[in-house]
Amino acid sequence: MVYDDLKIVLMVAISGKKAQKETIDKVVKYFKEYKEYAEKLSNSSYSS
C-alpha cells in the first residue's frame, strides 16, 4: 500500500493467483489497521 501523505510504502500481502480473492478480501478487511500502523511507523521515524 502506498501512503503518499506519509511518504511510506507498506507491503501487506503476497499471494498466488488461486488465493488472490482471499488476499484482497483480507487487505480490505484490515485497511484501517494498515493505515494506523503506517502512521505509527511514519511518526516513529520522524522522532528519531
N, C-alpha and C. Protein backbone atom coordinates (compact mmCIF):
# COMPACT_ATOMS: atom_id res chain seq x y z
N MET A 1 0.85 -1.15 0.00
CA MET A 1 0.00 0.00 0.00
C MET A 1 0.90 1.22 0.00
N VAL A 2 0.52 2.23 -0.73
CA VAL A 2 1.30 3.45 -0.83
C VAL A 2 0.53 4.56 -0.14
N TYR A 3 1.19 5.20 0.81
CA TYR A 3 0.61 6.34 1.52
C TYR A 3 1.46 7.56 1.18
N ASP A 4 1.05 8.29 0.16
CA ASP A 4 1.82 9.46 -0.27
C ASP A 4 1.93 10.50 0.83
N ASP A 5 0.85 10.71 1.58
CA ASP A 5 0.87 11.71 2.63
C ASP A 5 1.88 11.39 3.73
N LEU A 6 2.14 10.12 3.95
CA LEU A 6 3.09 9.69 4.98
C LEU A 6 4.48 9.42 4.42
N LYS A 7 4.59 9.41 3.09
CA LYS A 7 5.86 9.09 2.43
C LYS A 7 6.33 7.69 2.82
N ILE A 8 5.39 6.73 2.73
CA ILE A 8 5.71 5.37 3.14
C ILE A 8 5.00 4.37 2.22
N VAL A 9 5.67 3.25 2.00
CA VAL A 9 5.08 2.13 1.26
C VAL A 9 5.05 0.96 2.23
N LEU A 10 3.88 0.36 2.37
CA LEU A 10 3.70 -0.75 3.30
C LEU A 10 3.29 -1.99 2.51
N MET A 11 4.13 -3.01 2.58
CA MET A 11 3.79 -4.26 1.90
C MET A 11 2.95 -5.09 2.85
N VAL A 12 1.73 -5.41 2.42
CA VAL A 12 0.81 -6.07 3.34
C VAL A 12 0.52 -7.52 2.99
N ALA A 13 0.66 -7.92 1.73
CA ALA A 13 0.33 -9.30 1.37
C ALA A 13 0.91 -9.68 0.02
N ILE A 14 1.21 -10.97 -0.09
CA ILE A 14 1.64 -11.56 -1.35
C ILE A 14 0.85 -12.85 -1.50
N SER A 15 0.34 -13.08 -2.69
CA SER A 15 -0.39 -14.33 -2.89
C SER A 15 -0.26 -14.80 -4.33
N GLY A 16 -0.55 -16.04 -4.53
CA GLY A 16 -0.60 -16.60 -5.87
C GLY A 16 -1.95 -16.34 -6.50
N LYS A 17 -2.09 -16.71 -7.72
CA LYS A 17 -3.32 -16.48 -8.47
C LYS A 17 -4.54 -17.13 -7.80
N LYS A 18 -4.38 -18.33 -7.28
CA LYS A 18 -5.51 -19.05 -6.69
C LYS A 18 -6.02 -18.39 -5.41
N ALA A 19 -5.15 -17.77 -4.64
CA ALA A 19 -5.53 -17.16 -3.37
C ALA A 19 -5.78 -15.66 -3.49
N GLN A 20 -5.79 -15.13 -4.69
CA GLN A 20 -5.87 -13.69 -4.89
C GLN A 20 -7.12 -13.07 -4.27
N LYS A 21 -8.27 -13.66 -4.46
CA LYS A 21 -9.53 -13.10 -3.94
C LYS A 21 -9.50 -13.04 -2.42
N GLU A 22 -9.06 -14.12 -1.78
CA GLU A 22 -8.99 -14.15 -0.31
C GLU A 22 -8.01 -13.10 0.21
N THR A 23 -6.89 -12.94 -0.48
CA THR A 23 -5.89 -11.96 -0.07
C THR A 23 -6.45 -10.55 -0.18
N ILE A 24 -7.10 -10.24 -1.27
CA ILE A 24 -7.69 -8.91 -1.44
C ILE A 24 -8.75 -8.66 -0.38
N ASP A 25 -9.58 -9.65 -0.10
CA ASP A 25 -10.60 -9.51 0.93
C ASP A 25 -9.98 -9.20 2.30
N LYS A 26 -8.88 -9.88 2.60
CA LYS A 26 -8.22 -9.66 3.89
C LYS A 26 -7.59 -8.27 3.96
N VAL A 27 -6.99 -7.81 2.88
CA VAL A 27 -6.41 -6.46 2.84
C VAL A 27 -7.50 -5.42 3.06
N VAL A 28 -8.63 -5.60 2.39
CA VAL A 28 -9.75 -4.66 2.55
C VAL A 28 -10.25 -4.68 3.99
N LYS A 29 -10.35 -5.88 4.56
CA LYS A 29 -10.85 -6.01 5.93
C LYS A 29 -9.98 -5.26 6.93
N TYR A 30 -8.66 -5.29 6.73
CA TYR A 30 -7.73 -4.67 7.68
C TYR A 30 -7.17 -3.33 7.18
N PHE A 31 -7.84 -2.72 6.22
CA PHE A 31 -7.34 -1.48 5.63
C PHE A 31 -7.08 -0.40 6.68
N LYS A 32 -8.03 -0.19 7.59
CA LYS A 32 -7.87 0.83 8.63
C LYS A 32 -6.66 0.54 9.52
N GLU A 33 -6.49 -0.72 9.90
CA GLU A 33 -5.36 -1.09 10.75
C GLU A 33 -4.02 -0.88 10.04
N TYR A 34 -3.98 -1.16 8.74
CA TYR A 34 -2.74 -0.92 7.98
C TYR A 34 -2.40 0.57 7.97
N LYS A 35 -3.40 1.40 7.80
CA LYS A 35 -3.19 2.86 7.79
C LYS A 35 -2.66 3.32 9.15
N GLU A 36 -3.27 2.84 10.23
CA GLU A 36 -2.81 3.20 11.57
C GLU A 36 -1.37 2.75 11.81
N TYR A 37 -1.05 1.55 11.36
CA TYR A 37 0.32 1.04 11.51
C TYR A 37 1.31 1.90 10.72
N ALA A 38 0.94 2.27 9.51
CA ALA A 38 1.80 3.12 8.67
C ALA A 38 2.01 4.47 9.34
N GLU A 39 0.97 5.01 9.95
CA GLU A 39 1.10 6.29 10.65
C GLU A 39 2.05 6.17 11.83
N LYS A 40 1.95 5.07 12.58
CA LYS A 40 2.87 4.86 13.71
C LYS A 40 4.30 4.75 13.22
N LEU A 41 4.52 4.01 12.15
CA LEU A 41 5.86 3.88 11.59
C LEU A 41 6.40 5.23 11.14
N SER A 42 5.56 5.98 10.48
CA SER A 42 5.96 7.29 9.98
C SER A 42 6.31 8.22 11.12
N ASN A 43 5.48 8.24 12.15
CA ASN A 43 5.73 9.10 13.32
C ASN A 43 6.99 8.71 14.05
N SER A 44 7.25 7.42 14.19
CA SER A 44 8.45 6.99 14.88
C SER A 44 9.71 7.31 14.11
N SER A 45 9.64 7.34 12.80
CA SER A 45 10.83 7.67 12.02
C SER A 45 11.14 9.17 12.07
N TYR A 46 10.13 10.01 12.28
CA TYR A 46 10.34 11.45 12.39
C TYR A 46 10.87 11.84 13.76
N SER A 47 10.56 11.08 14.78
CA SER A 47 11.01 11.43 16.12
C SER A 47 12.40 10.90 16.41
N SER A 48 12.99 10.11 15.53
CA SER A 48 14.35 9.58 15.76
C SER A 48 15.39 10.58 15.35
